[in-house]
Structures are given as C-alpha cells and as structure tokens.
C-alpha atoms as a PDB file:
ATOM      1  CA  UNK A   1     -13.478  11.415  21.118  1.00  0.00           C
ATOM      2  CA  UNK A   2     -15.495   8.871  19.166  1.00  0.00           C
ATOM      3  CA  UNK A   3     -13.627   7.724  16.050  1.00  0.00           C
ATOM      4  CA  UNK A   4     -15.728   6.657  13.054  1.00  0.00           C
ATOM      5  CA  UNK A   5     -14.361   3.740  11.023  1.00  0.00           C
ATOM      6  CA  UNK A   6     -15.152   3.665   7.312  1.00  0.00           C
ATOM      7  CA  UNK A   7     -14.212   1.609   4.282  1.00  0.00           C
ATOM      8  CA  UNK A   8     -10.694   1.836   2.867  1.00  0.00           C
ATOM      9  CA  UNK A   9      -9.603   1.033  -0.694  1.00  0.00           C
ATOM     10  CA  UNK A  10      -6.068   0.521  -1.983  1.00  0.00           C
ATOM     11  CA  UNK A  11      -5.494   1.282  -5.661  1.00  0.00           C
ATOM     12  CA  UNK A  12      -2.584   0.305  -7.866  1.00  0.00           C
ATOM     13  CA  UNK A  13      -1.809   3.445  -9.857  1.00  0.00           C
ATOM     14  CA  UNK A  14       0.430   4.331 -12.780  1.00  0.00           C
ATOM     15  CA  UNK A  15       0.874   7.930 -13.876  1.00  0.00           C
ATOM     16  CA  UNK A  16       2.902   8.636 -17.032  1.00  0.00           C
ATOM     17  CA  UNK A  17       3.909  11.812 -18.859  1.00  0.00           C
ATOM     18  CA  UNK A  18       5.393  11.474 -22.376  1.00  0.00           C
ATOM     19  CA  UNK A  19       6.844  14.018 -24.723  1.00  0.00           C
ATOM     20  CA  UNK A  20       5.254  14.143 -28.160  1.00  0.00           C
ATOM     21  CA  UNK A  21       7.340  12.531 -30.892  1.00  0.00           C
ATOM     22  CA  UNK A  22       7.188  12.839 -34.658  1.00  0.00           C
ATOM     23  CA  UNK A  23       3.614  12.962 -35.926  1.00  0.00           C
ATOM     24  CA  UNK A  24       2.241  13.457 -32.427  1.00  0.00           C
ATOM     25  CA  UNK A  25       3.295   9.984 -31.289  1.00  0.00           C
ATOM     26  CA  UNK A  26       5.133   9.226 -28.084  1.00  0.00           C
ATOM     27  CA  UNK A  27       7.469   6.400 -27.068  1.00  0.00           C
ATOM     28  CA  UNK A  28       7.677   4.591 -23.739  1.00  0.00           C
ATOM     29  CA  UNK A  29      11.399   5.308 -23.453  1.00  0.00           C
ATOM     30  CA  UNK A  30      10.754   9.040 -23.817  1.00  0.00           C
ATOM     31  CA  UNK A  31       8.735   9.456 -20.635  1.00  0.00           C
ATOM     32  CA  UNK A  32       9.279  12.719 -18.805  1.00  0.00           C
ATOM     33  CA  UNK A  33       8.323  10.872 -15.648  1.00  0.00           C
ATOM     34  CA  UNK A  34       6.419   7.782 -14.626  1.00  0.00           C
ATOM     35  CA  UNK A  35       5.065   7.009 -11.171  1.00  0.00           C
ATOM     36  CA  UNK A  36       4.015   3.502 -10.168  1.00  0.00           C
ATOM     37  CA  UNK A  37       2.674   3.210  -6.670  1.00  0.00           C
ATOM     38  CA  UNK A  38      -0.104   1.977  -4.453  1.00  0.00           C
ATOM     39  CA  UNK A  39      -2.399   4.625  -2.990  1.00  0.00           C
ATOM     40  CA  UNK A  40      -4.867   4.690  -0.110  1.00  0.00           C
ATOM     41  CA  UNK A  41      -7.080   7.746   0.364  1.00  0.00           C
ATOM     42  CA  UNK A  42      -8.751   7.904   3.790  1.00  0.00           C
ATOM     43  CA  UNK A  43     -11.304  10.078   5.520  1.00  0.00           C
ATOM     44  CA  UNK A  44     -10.789   9.729   9.256  1.00  0.00           C
ATOM     45  CA  UNK A  45     -13.620  11.099  11.358  1.00  0.00           C
ATOM     46  CA  UNK A  46     -13.834  12.017  15.024  1.00  0.00           C
ATOM     47  CA  UNK A  47     -16.244  14.227  16.957  1.00  0.00           C
ATOM     48  CA  UNK A  48     -16.961  17.284  14.849  1.00  0.00           C
ATOM     49  CA  UNK A  49     -14.201  17.018  12.248  1.00  0.00           C
ATOM     50  CA  UNK A  50     -12.900  14.966   9.312  1.00  0.00           C
ATOM     51  CA  UNK A  51      -9.279  14.514   8.244  1.00  0.00           C
ATOM     52  CA  UNK A  52      -8.250  13.662   4.666  1.00  0.00           C
ATOM     53  CA  UNK A  53      -5.111  11.544   4.470  1.00  0.00           C
ATOM     54  CA  UNK A  54      -3.296   9.665   1.732  1.00  0.00           C
ATOM     55  CA  UNK A  55      -0.804   6.825   2.086  1.00  0.00           C
ATOM     56  CA  UNK A  56       1.380   5.817  -0.846  1.00  0.00           C
ATOM     57  CA  UNK A  57       3.871   3.000  -1.177  1.00  0.00           C
ATOM     58  CA  UNK A  58       6.025   1.070  -3.623  1.00  0.00           C
ATOM     59  CA  UNK A  59       4.449  -2.257  -2.651  1.00  0.00           C
ATOM     60  CA  UNK A  60       1.070  -3.243  -1.220  1.00  0.00           C
ATOM     61  CA  UNK A  61       2.189  -4.732   2.145  1.00  0.00           C
ATOM     62  CA  UNK A  62       4.186  -1.627   3.086  1.00  0.00           C
ATOM     63  CA  UNK A  63       1.352   0.671   1.995  1.00  0.00           C
ATOM     64  CA  UNK A  64      -1.082  -1.251   4.207  1.00  0.00           C
ATOM     65  CA  UNK A  65       1.311  -1.277   7.179  1.00  0.00           C
ATOM     66  CA  UNK A  66       1.675   2.496   7.068  1.00  0.00           C
ATOM     67  CA  UNK A  67      -2.124   2.765   6.740  1.00  0.00           C
ATOM     68  CA  UNK A  68      -2.479   0.587   9.843  1.00  0.00           C
ATOM     69  CA  UNK A  69       0.036   2.750  11.687  1.00  0.00           C
ATOM     70  CA  UNK A  70      -1.867   5.927  10.782  1.00  0.00           C
ATOM     71  CA  UNK A  71      -5.119   4.442  12.119  1.00  0.00           C
ATOM     72  CA  UNK A  72      -3.418   3.428  15.359  1.00  0.00           C
ATOM     73  CA  UNK A  73      -2.050   6.915  15.924  1.00  0.00           C
ATOM     74  CA  UNK A  74      -5.362   8.566  15.002  1.00  0.00           C
ATOM     75  CA  UNK A  75      -7.240   6.363  17.476  1.00  0.00           C
ATOM     76  CA  UNK A  76      -4.808   7.415  20.195  1.00  0.00           C
ATOM     77  CA  UNK A  77      -4.966  11.113  19.326  1.00  0.00           C
ATOM     78  CA  UNK A  78      -7.601  12.178  16.750  1.00  0.00           C
ATOM     79  CA  UNK A  79      -6.403  15.788  16.878  1.00  0.00           C
ATOM     80  CA  UNK A  80      -2.805  14.957  15.959  1.00  0.00           C
ATOM     81  CA  UNK A  81      -3.056  15.960  12.293  1.00  0.00           C
ATOM     82  CA  UNK A  82      -4.919  19.181  13.056  1.00  0.00           C
ATOM     83  CA  UNK A  83      -2.036  20.049  15.386  1.00  0.00           C
ATOM     84  CA  UNK A  84       0.860  19.049  13.140  1.00  0.00           C
ATOM     85  CA  UNK A  85       2.798  22.129  14.164  1.00  0.00           C
ATOM     86  CA  UNK A  86       3.034  20.881  17.748  1.00  0.00           C
ATOM     87  CA  UNK A  87       2.678  17.114  17.208  1.00  0.00           C
ATOM     88  CA  UNK A  88       5.841  15.238  18.217  1.00  0.00           C
ATOM     89  CA  UNK A  89       5.192  11.956  16.394  1.00  0.00           C
ATOM     90  CA  UNK A  90       8.454  10.576  14.983  1.00  0.00           C
ATOM     91  CA  UNK A  91       7.081   8.871  11.889  1.00  0.00           C
ATOM     92  CA  UNK A  92      10.554   7.911  10.685  1.00  0.00           C
ATOM     93  CA  UNK A  93      11.359   6.016  13.874  1.00  0.00           C
ATOM     94  CA  UNK A  94       7.925   4.380  13.976  1.00  0.00           C
ATOM     95  CA  UNK A  95       8.353   3.233  10.380  1.00  0.00           C
ATOM     96  CA  UNK A  96      11.810   1.774  11.050  1.00  0.00           C
ATOM     97  CA  UNK A  97      10.228  -0.402  13.719  1.00  0.00           C
ATOM     98  CA  UNK A  98       7.668  -1.691  11.180  1.00  0.00           C
ATOM     99  CA  UNK A  99      10.196  -2.432   8.428  1.00  0.00           C
ATOM    100  CA  UNK A 100      11.541  -5.987   8.341  1.00  0.00           C
ATOM    101  CA  UNK A 101      15.250  -6.804   8.062  1.00  0.00           C
ATOM    102  CA  UNK A 102      14.460  -8.601   4.782  1.00  0.00           C
ATOM    103  CA  UNK A 103      12.978  -5.448   3.284  1.00  0.00           C
ATOM    104  CA  UNK A 104      15.859  -3.311   4.541  1.00  0.00           C
ATOM    105  CA  UNK A 105      18.419  -5.638   2.989  1.00  0.00           C
ATOM    106  CA  UNK A 106      16.789  -6.880  -0.205  1.00  0.00           C
ATOM    107  CA  UNK A 107      14.034  -4.407  -1.057  1.00  0.00           C
ATOM    108  CA  UNK A 108      15.855  -1.121  -0.722  1.00  0.00           C
ATOM    109  CA  UNK A 109      13.778   0.398  -3.507  1.00  0.00           C
ATOM    110  CA  UNK A 110      10.704   0.083  -1.278  1.00  0.00           C
ATOM    111  CA  UNK A 111       9.283   3.400  -0.078  1.00  0.00           C
ATOM    112  CA  UNK A 112       6.214   4.899   1.589  1.00  0.00           C
ATOM    113  CA  UNK A 113       4.765   8.368   2.080  1.00  0.00           C
ATOM    114  CA  UNK A 114       2.011  10.011   4.132  1.00  0.00           C
ATOM    115  CA  UNK A 115       0.128  13.132   3.033  1.00  0.00           C
ATOM    116  CA  UNK A 116      -2.347  15.271   4.974  1.00  0.00           C
ATOM    117  CA  UNK A 117      -4.577  17.836   3.257  1.00  0.00           C
ATOM    118  CA  UNK A 118      -2.124  17.963   0.360  1.00  0.00           C
ATOM    119  CA  UNK A 119       1.026  18.350   2.472  1.00  0.00           C
ATOM    120  CA  UNK A 120       3.678  15.656   2.905  1.00  0.00           C
ATOM    121  CA  UNK A 121       3.893  14.576   6.552  1.00  0.00           C
ATOM    122  CA  UNK A 122       6.388  11.748   6.100  1.00  0.00           C
ATOM    123  CA  UNK A 123       8.184  10.119   3.191  1.00  0.00           C
ATOM    124  CA  UNK A 124      11.082   7.752   2.544  1.00  0.00           C
ATOM    125  CA  UNK A 125      11.069   8.728  -1.144  1.00  0.00           C
ATOM    126  CA  UNK A 126      11.169  12.481  -1.742  1.00  0.00           C
ATOM    127  CA  UNK A 127       9.463  13.048  -5.111  1.00  0.00           C
ATOM    128  CA  UNK A 128       8.470  16.412  -6.525  1.00  0.00           C
ATOM    129  CA  UNK A 129       5.908  14.718  -8.756  1.00  0.00           C
ATOM    130  CA  UNK A 130       4.178  12.787  -5.961  1.00  0.00           C
ATOM    131  CA  UNK A 131       4.179  15.760  -3.619  1.00  0.00           C
ATOM    132  CA  UNK A 132       2.694  17.966  -6.338  1.00  0.00           C
ATOM    133  CA  UNK A 133       0.043  15.350  -7.198  1.00  0.00           C
ATOM    134  CA  UNK A 134      -1.084  15.162  -3.568  1.00  0.00           C
ATOM    135  CA  UNK A 135      -0.970  18.945  -3.222  1.00  0.00           C
ATOM    136  CA  UNK A 136      -3.501  19.170  -6.062  1.00  0.00           C
ATOM    137  CA  UNK A 137      -5.625  16.123  -5.189  1.00  0.00           C
ATOM    138  CA  UNK A 138      -6.055  17.182  -1.525  1.00  0.00           C
ATOM    139  CA  UNK A 139      -6.917  13.632  -0.494  1.00  0.00           C
ATOM    140  CA  UNK A 140      -9.346  13.041  -3.351  1.00  0.00           C
ATOM    141  CA  UNK A 141      -9.091  10.838  -6.424  1.00  0.00           C
ATOM    142  CA  UNK A 142      -6.235  11.198  -8.909  1.00  0.00           C
ATOM    143  CA  UNK A 143      -7.081  11.229 -12.629  1.00  0.00           C
ATOM    144  CA  UNK A 144      -5.710  12.390 -15.998  1.00  0.00           C
ATOM    145  CA  UNK A 145      -6.705  15.962 -15.196  1.00  0.00           C
ATOM    146  CA  UNK A 146      -4.664  15.878 -11.983  1.00  0.00           C
ATOM    147  CA  UNK A 147      -1.555  14.603 -13.794  1.00  0.00           C
ATOM    148  CA  UNK A 148      -2.012  17.220 -16.523  1.00  0.00           C
ATOM    149  CA  UNK A 149      -2.114  20.002 -13.943  1.00  0.00           C
ATOM    150  CA  UNK A 150       0.975  18.622 -12.201  1.00  0.00           C
ATOM    151  CA  UNK A 151       2.831  18.556 -15.512  1.00  0.00           C
ATOM    152  CA  UNK A 152       1.873  22.152 -16.289  1.00  0.00           C
ATOM    153  CA  UNK A 153       3.085  23.303 -12.880  1.00  0.00           C
ATOM    154  CA  UNK A 154       6.389  21.429 -13.163  1.00  0.00           C
ATOM    155  CA  UNK A 155       7.150  21.911 -16.873  1.00  0.00           C
ATOM    156  CA  UNK A 156       5.184  25.006 -17.809  1.00  0.00           C
ATOM    157  CA  UNK A 157       1.855  25.697 -19.491  1.00  0.00           C
ATOM    158  CA  UNK A 158       3.215  25.119 -23.004  1.00  0.00           C
ATOM    159  CA  UNK A 159       4.819  21.713 -22.289  1.00  0.00           C
ATOM    160  CA  UNK A 160       4.421  19.513 -25.389  1.00  0.00           C
ATOM    161  CA  UNK A 161       3.424  16.327 -23.573  1.00  0.00           C
ATOM    162  CA  UNK A 162       0.653  13.751 -23.252  1.00  0.00           C
ATOM    163  CA  UNK A 163      -0.434  12.418 -19.869  1.00  0.00           C
ATOM    164  CA  UNK A 164      -2.008   9.120 -18.849  1.00  0.00           C
ATOM    165  CA  UNK A 165      -3.254   7.807 -15.510  1.00  0.00           C
ATOM    166  CA  UNK A 166      -4.361   4.219 -14.862  1.00  0.00           C
ATOM    167  CA  UNK A 167      -5.880   2.941 -11.628  1.00  0.00           C
ATOM    168  CA  UNK A 168      -6.893  -0.556 -10.526  1.00  0.00           C
ATOM    169  CA  UNK A 169      -8.566  -1.605  -7.300  1.00  0.00           C
ATOM    170  CA  UNK A 170      -6.341  -4.060  -5.401  1.00  0.00           C
ATOM    171  CA  UNK A 171      -7.706  -4.277  -1.826  1.00  0.00           C
ATOM    172  CA  UNK A 172     -11.051  -3.163  -0.391  1.00  0.00           C
ATOM    173  CA  UNK A 173     -11.651  -3.068   3.370  1.00  0.00           C
ATOM    174  CA  UNK A 174     -15.220  -2.902   4.632  1.00  0.00           C
ATOM    175  CA  UNK A 175     -16.154  -2.703   8.325  1.00  0.00           C
ATOM    176  CA  UNK A 176     -19.495  -4.275   9.271  1.00  0.00           C
ATOM    177  CA  UNK A 177     -21.265  -4.446  12.598  1.00  0.00           C
ATOM    178  CA  UNK A 178     -20.133  -8.008  13.287  1.00  0.00           C
ATOM    179  CA  UNK A 179     -16.856  -8.232  11.374  1.00  0.00           C
ATOM    180  CA  UNK A 180     -14.205  -6.593   9.191  1.00  0.00           C
ATOM    181  CA  UNK A 181     -13.796  -7.848   5.628  1.00  0.00           C
ATOM    182  CA  UNK A 182     -11.071  -7.427   3.031  1.00  0.00           C
ATOM    183  CA  UNK A 183     -11.474  -8.296  -0.647  1.00  0.00           C
ATOM    184  CA  UNK A 184      -8.001  -8.900  -2.097  1.00  0.00           C
ATOM    185  CA  UNK A 185      -7.035  -9.106  -5.765  1.00  0.00           C
ATOM    186  CA  UNK A 186      -4.196 -11.558  -6.450  1.00  0.00           C
ATOM    187  CA  UNK A 187      -1.764 -11.733  -9.345  1.00  0.00           C
ATOM    188  CA  UNK A 188      -0.395 -15.239  -9.835  1.00  0.00           C
ATOM    189  CA  UNK A 189       1.565 -16.412 -12.834  1.00  0.00           C
ATOM    190  CA  UNK A 190       0.237 -13.657 -15.051  1.00  0.00           C
ATOM    191  CA  UNK A 191      -3.339 -14.398 -14.021  1.00  0.00           C
ATOM    192  CA  UNK A 192      -5.584 -12.443 -11.694  1.00  0.00           C
ATOM    193  CA  UNK A 193      -7.606 -14.060  -8.929  1.00  0.00           C
ATOM    194  CA  UNK A 194      -9.234 -12.871  -5.737  1.00  0.00           C
ATOM    195  CA  UNK A 195     -10.250 -13.946  -2.272  1.00  0.00           C
ATOM    196  CA  UNK A 196     -11.937 -12.381   0.738  1.00  0.00           C
ATOM    197  CA  UNK A 197     -10.978 -12.660   4.379  1.00  0.00           C
ATOM    198  CA  UNK A 198     -13.059 -11.611   7.394  1.00  0.00           C
ATOM    199  CA  UNK A 199     -12.260 -11.140  11.081  1.00  0.00           C
ATOM    200  CA  UNK A 200     -15.359 -11.541  13.261  1.00  0.00           C
ATOM    201  CA  UNK A 201     -15.872  -9.564  16.464  1.00  0.00           C
ATOM    202  CA  UNK A 202     -16.264 -11.813  19.508  1.00  0.00           C
ATOM    203  CA  UNK A 203     -19.604 -11.679  21.323  1.00  0.00           C
ATOM    204  CA  UNK A 204     -18.204 -12.679  24.704  1.00  0.00           C
ATOM    205  CA  UNK A 205     -16.183 -10.828  25.724  1.00  0.00           C
ATOM    206  CA  UNK A 206     -17.541  -8.019  23.574  1.00  0.00           C
ATOM    207  CA  UNK A 207     -14.222  -6.680  22.352  1.00  0.00           C
ATOM    208  CA  UNK A 208     -14.155  -5.604  18.689  1.00  0.00           C
ATOM    209  CA  UNK A 209     -11.261  -6.672  16.490  1.00  0.00           C
ATOM    210  CA  UNK A 210      -9.004  -3.662  15.927  1.00  0.00           C
ATOM    211  CA  UNK A 211      -9.325  -2.333  12.385  1.00  0.00           C
ATOM    212  CA  UNK A 212      -5.632  -1.432  12.276  1.00  0.00           C
ATOM    213  CA  UNK A 213      -4.642  -4.916  13.426  1.00  0.00           C
ATOM    214  CA  UNK A 214      -6.804  -6.512  10.740  1.00  0.00           C
ATOM    215  CA  UNK A 215      -5.209  -4.333   8.044  1.00  0.00           C
ATOM    216  CA  UNK A 216      -1.773  -5.345   9.298  1.00  0.00           C
ATOM    217  CA  UNK A 217      -2.820  -9.017   9.183  1.00  0.00           C
ATOM    218  CA  UNK A 218      -3.854  -8.566   5.547  1.00  0.00           C
ATOM    219  CA  UNK A 219      -0.468  -6.972   4.808  1.00  0.00           C
ATOM    220  CA  UNK A 220       1.235 -10.067   6.250  1.00  0.00           C
ATOM    221  CA  UNK A 221      -1.030 -12.331   4.184  1.00  0.00           C
ATOM    222  CA  UNK A 222      -0.296 -10.500   0.933  1.00  0.00           C
ATOM    223  CA  UNK A 223       3.460 -10.405   1.576  1.00  0.00           C
ATOM    224  CA  UNK A 224       3.524 -14.130   2.381  1.00  0.00           C
ATOM    225  CA  UNK A 225       1.738 -14.888  -0.892  1.00  0.00           C
ATOM    226  CA  UNK A 226       4.129 -12.618  -2.810  1.00  0.00           C
ATOM    227  CA  UNK A 227       7.107 -14.439  -1.293  1.00  0.00           C
ATOM    228  CA  UNK A 228       5.544 -17.775  -2.227  1.00  0.00           C
ATOM    229  CA  UNK A 229       5.353 -16.643  -5.863  1.00  0.00           C
ATOM    230  CA  UNK A 230       8.970 -15.437  -5.704  1.00  0.00           C
ATOM    231  CA  UNK A 231      10.288 -18.678  -4.168  1.00  0.00           C
ATOM    232  CA  UNK A 232       8.255 -20.841  -6.573  1.00  0.00           C
ATOM    233  CA  UNK A 233       9.776 -18.929  -9.487  1.00  0.00           C
ATOM    234  CA  UNK A 234      13.305 -19.464  -8.145  1.00  0.00           C
ATOM    235  CA  UNK A 235      12.613 -23.172  -7.624  1.00  0.00           C
ATOM    236  CA  UNK A 236      11.342 -23.522 -11.197  1.00  0.00           C
ATOM    237  CA  UNK A 237      14.398 -21.764 -12.640  1.00  0.00           C
ATOM    238  CA  UNK A 238      16.701 -24.094 -10.685  1.00  0.00           C
ATOM    239  CA  UNK A 239      14.813 -27.164 -11.870  1.00  0.00           C
ATOM    240  CA  UNK A 240      14.957 -25.971 -15.489  1.00  0.00           C
ATOM    241  CA  UNK A 241      18.568 -24.791 -15.164  1.00  0.00           C
ATOM    242  CA  UNK A 242      17.807 -21.314 -16.487  1.00  0.00           C
ATOM    243  CA  UNK A 243      18.116 -17.747 -15.227  1.00  0.00           C
ATOM    244  CA  UNK A 244      15.720 -14.935 -16.177  1.00  0.00           C
ATOM    245  CA  UNK A 245      15.241 -11.476 -14.759  1.00  0.00           C
ATOM    246  CA  UNK A 246      17.428  -9.791 -12.121  1.00  0.00           C
ATOM    247  CA  UNK A 247      20.143 -11.850 -10.459  1.00  0.00           C
ATOM    248  CA  UNK A 248      18.954 -13.405  -7.200  1.00  0.00           C
ATOM    249  CA  UNK A 249      21.609 -14.385  -4.675  1.00  0.00           C
ATOM    250  CA  UNK A 250      21.487 -17.404  -2.331  1.00  0.00           C
ATOM    251  CA  UNK A 251      21.419 -14.901   0.551  1.00  0.00           C
ATOM    252  CA  UNK A 252      18.230 -13.338  -0.783  1.00  0.00           C
ATOM    253  CA  UNK A 253      16.583 -16.743  -1.228  1.00  0.00           C
ATOM    254  CA  UNK A 254      17.502 -17.663   2.364  1.00  0.00           C
ATOM    255  CA  UNK A 255      16.235 -14.271   3.532  1.00  0.00           C
ATOM    256  CA  UNK A 256      12.939 -14.728   1.687  1.00  0.00           C
ATOM    257  CA  UNK A 257      12.454 -18.166   3.227  1.00  0.00           C
ATOM    258  CA  UNK A 258      13.139 -16.794   6.710  1.00  0.00           C
ATOM    259  CA  UNK A 259      10.823 -13.837   6.194  1.00  0.00           C
ATOM    260  CA  UNK A 260       8.050 -16.133   4.955  1.00  0.00           C
ATOM    261  CA  UNK A 261       8.440 -18.339   8.051  1.00  0.00           C
ATOM    262  CA  UNK A 262       8.099 -15.273  10.275  1.00  0.00           C
ATOM    263  CA  UNK A 263       5.020 -14.085   8.388  1.00  0.00           C
ATOM    264  CA  UNK A 264       3.361 -17.492   8.667  1.00  0.00           C
ATOM    265  CA  UNK A 265       3.890 -17.402  12.446  1.00  0.00           C
ATOM    266  CA  UNK A 266       2.175 -13.997  12.573  1.00  0.00           C
ATOM    267  CA  UNK A 267      -0.680 -15.203  10.342  1.00  0.00           C
ATOM    268  CA  UNK A 268      -1.311 -18.429  12.263  1.00  0.00           C
ATOM    269  CA  UNK A 269      -1.167 -16.596  15.601  1.00  0.00           C
ATOM    270  CA  UNK A 270      -3.743 -14.067  14.366  1.00  0.00           C
ATOM    271  CA  UNK A 271      -5.988 -16.827  13.062  1.00  0.00           C
ATOM    272  CA  UNK A 272      -5.850 -18.576  16.433  1.00  0.00           C
ATOM    273  CA  UNK A 273      -6.576 -15.384  18.362  1.00  0.00           C
ATOM    274  CA  UNK A 274      -9.552 -14.382  16.188  1.00  0.00           C
ATOM    275  CA  UNK A 275     -12.379 -15.988  14.254  1.00  0.00           C
ATOM    276  CA  UNK A 276     -11.145 -15.747  10.666  1.00  0.00           C
ATOM    277  CA  UNK A 277     -13.063 -16.897   7.598  1.00  0.00           C
ATOM    278  CA  UNK A 278     -11.899 -17.019   3.981  1.00  0.00           C
ATOM    279  CA  UNK A 279     -13.946 -17.015   0.775  1.00  0.00           C
ATOM    280  CA  UNK A 280     -13.820 -19.067  -1.333  1.00  0.00           C
ATOM    281  CA  UNK A 281     -11.050 -20.720   0.726  1.00  0.00           C
ATOM    282  CA  UNK A 282      -7.830 -20.034   2.613  1.00  0.00           C
ATOM    283  CA  UNK A 283      -5.023 -19.102   0.199  1.00  0.00           C
ATOM    284  CA  UNK A 284      -2.325 -21.691  -0.470  1.00  0.00           C
ATOM    285  CA  UNK A 285       0.721 -20.354   1.331  1.00  0.00           C
ATOM    286  CA  UNK A 286       2.826 -23.426   0.554  1.00  0.00           C
END
C-alpha cells in the first residue's frame, strides 16, 4: 500500500475546569481538574482509507518519539489500526525500548498515550478526563466546547463550573519534495525563540529520509536543549550558592550529563549521515 505523508503539528495544551466561587469567581486552587499535555493529531493515509490518531505526552520529546513509533508501525502495516481486534502489537514493550534509563529513574511523572478514532490504544497514564476528551474529539481539534462536554459527562449537566482550554503551537513538521522541515519553538530563560531544521533527501542514491527518523531526531534535539537549560540552571545555583525549586540530587545531575552526552552522539551521527540545515543557525547545545 502507498502511504501518504502529511504535515504534523504538536500543540502544548492546558485544559482547566474550575468550580464557581463567591460572586461567580473561581480560584486556581479550586480546580476540579487540570490537564497539561502535548498533543499531536494525525491523519495517516494509505490506499483507499484514512486513519485518525492522536498522541499525547507529558513532555515534547516523549510525545514526538511515540509519534515516530506510530509512523514506523503504520508504514509497516497500514491496516493495523483498522484491525485492532486482531493486531498483536505490544505497544507497552515497544515503548519501554524507547524510554531512556534517565527518564525511567528521574522523570517518573512522564507519560504518553495513543488514541485511535476516540478509543485509547495505549497509555502509561490512565486518565478518565483525557480518555473522555479524545472520545469526543475523535482525532480533531480540542477547544472550550470539547472540555465543556467532557465536564458535563463526568460531573453532570448541572455542574456549576467554568472551563478553559489554551493551545500553543510548539513544533510543526512539513514534508516537501526534496526535504523534511521542522519549525521548533524554544523556551529559554523565560523567553521564547525558534529555529528550523531540515533533512534533505539525497539525490544519489535516491533514498528519501525516513519521516519517522527525522521526527525522532527532532525529539533528541529538543531533549538535549532541555537538558542544557536544566544543567545551566544547576550550575548557576551552585555558583550563587542558592537553591530554588525542587531538590536536585547529585545523581540526577550526573544522570542528566550522561543522557545529554548520549543524545549528542545520536544528533551528531544523524547530522553526519544526512544533509541537515538549520535556520537561522544550529542551536547552542553547550
């Protein structure tokens, strides 16, 4: 079957439901529930049919890695989601193989989930709210109306609450004839910046760069930059002899340094194996 590759966008999303307080006001500490996650909604097309899938995750790198994994599996077997009843894919085992030892040890709150046509295929974070949101959205966009309907289903039609949904574009993948491109929004030191990276298809031999591999490369790039920010913050606190935020152990710092070294090996190897261009310039990893 011929698989059609289309653009993919990752959104940072925050969905909040508050109870009304005195005078119709609501307080942040009185939230019925609040969901912060990253969300990718995909339409995967093969001969004669289209599948609507959603990937969610606690952090951007993990969300992109599961997205990459879904594309890999779909390329191997486009009918796998249509035949979920007989499909033998062990998503849990596949995900364990993609999860780093650093994440397992120091980012235990990290989670991902995969949804097909509104049903949850795989999750490491069972959530009634998320499952209900995806059941209503059916692979489409999530908005205030979606969250309101979820709240009514979970709490009842007469629930005295106010809902809010915020969404921000974080990563946009665009496949072109000659290359794949990703536009990536960065948050550094409270400021927002951006850069674009492209992987060009070789002419000789004519072997296109795998879309899934490029997405995974971008996940490595984003995680490496996140770890740089984390390690820079720790270094600054040590130099200023102050401690702010959650306690960070020497073991976690050593783990972060080791994980960043591994990621840089992956990044450099990918850059050497493919023609990679950055705009406006290559990010500062060090």
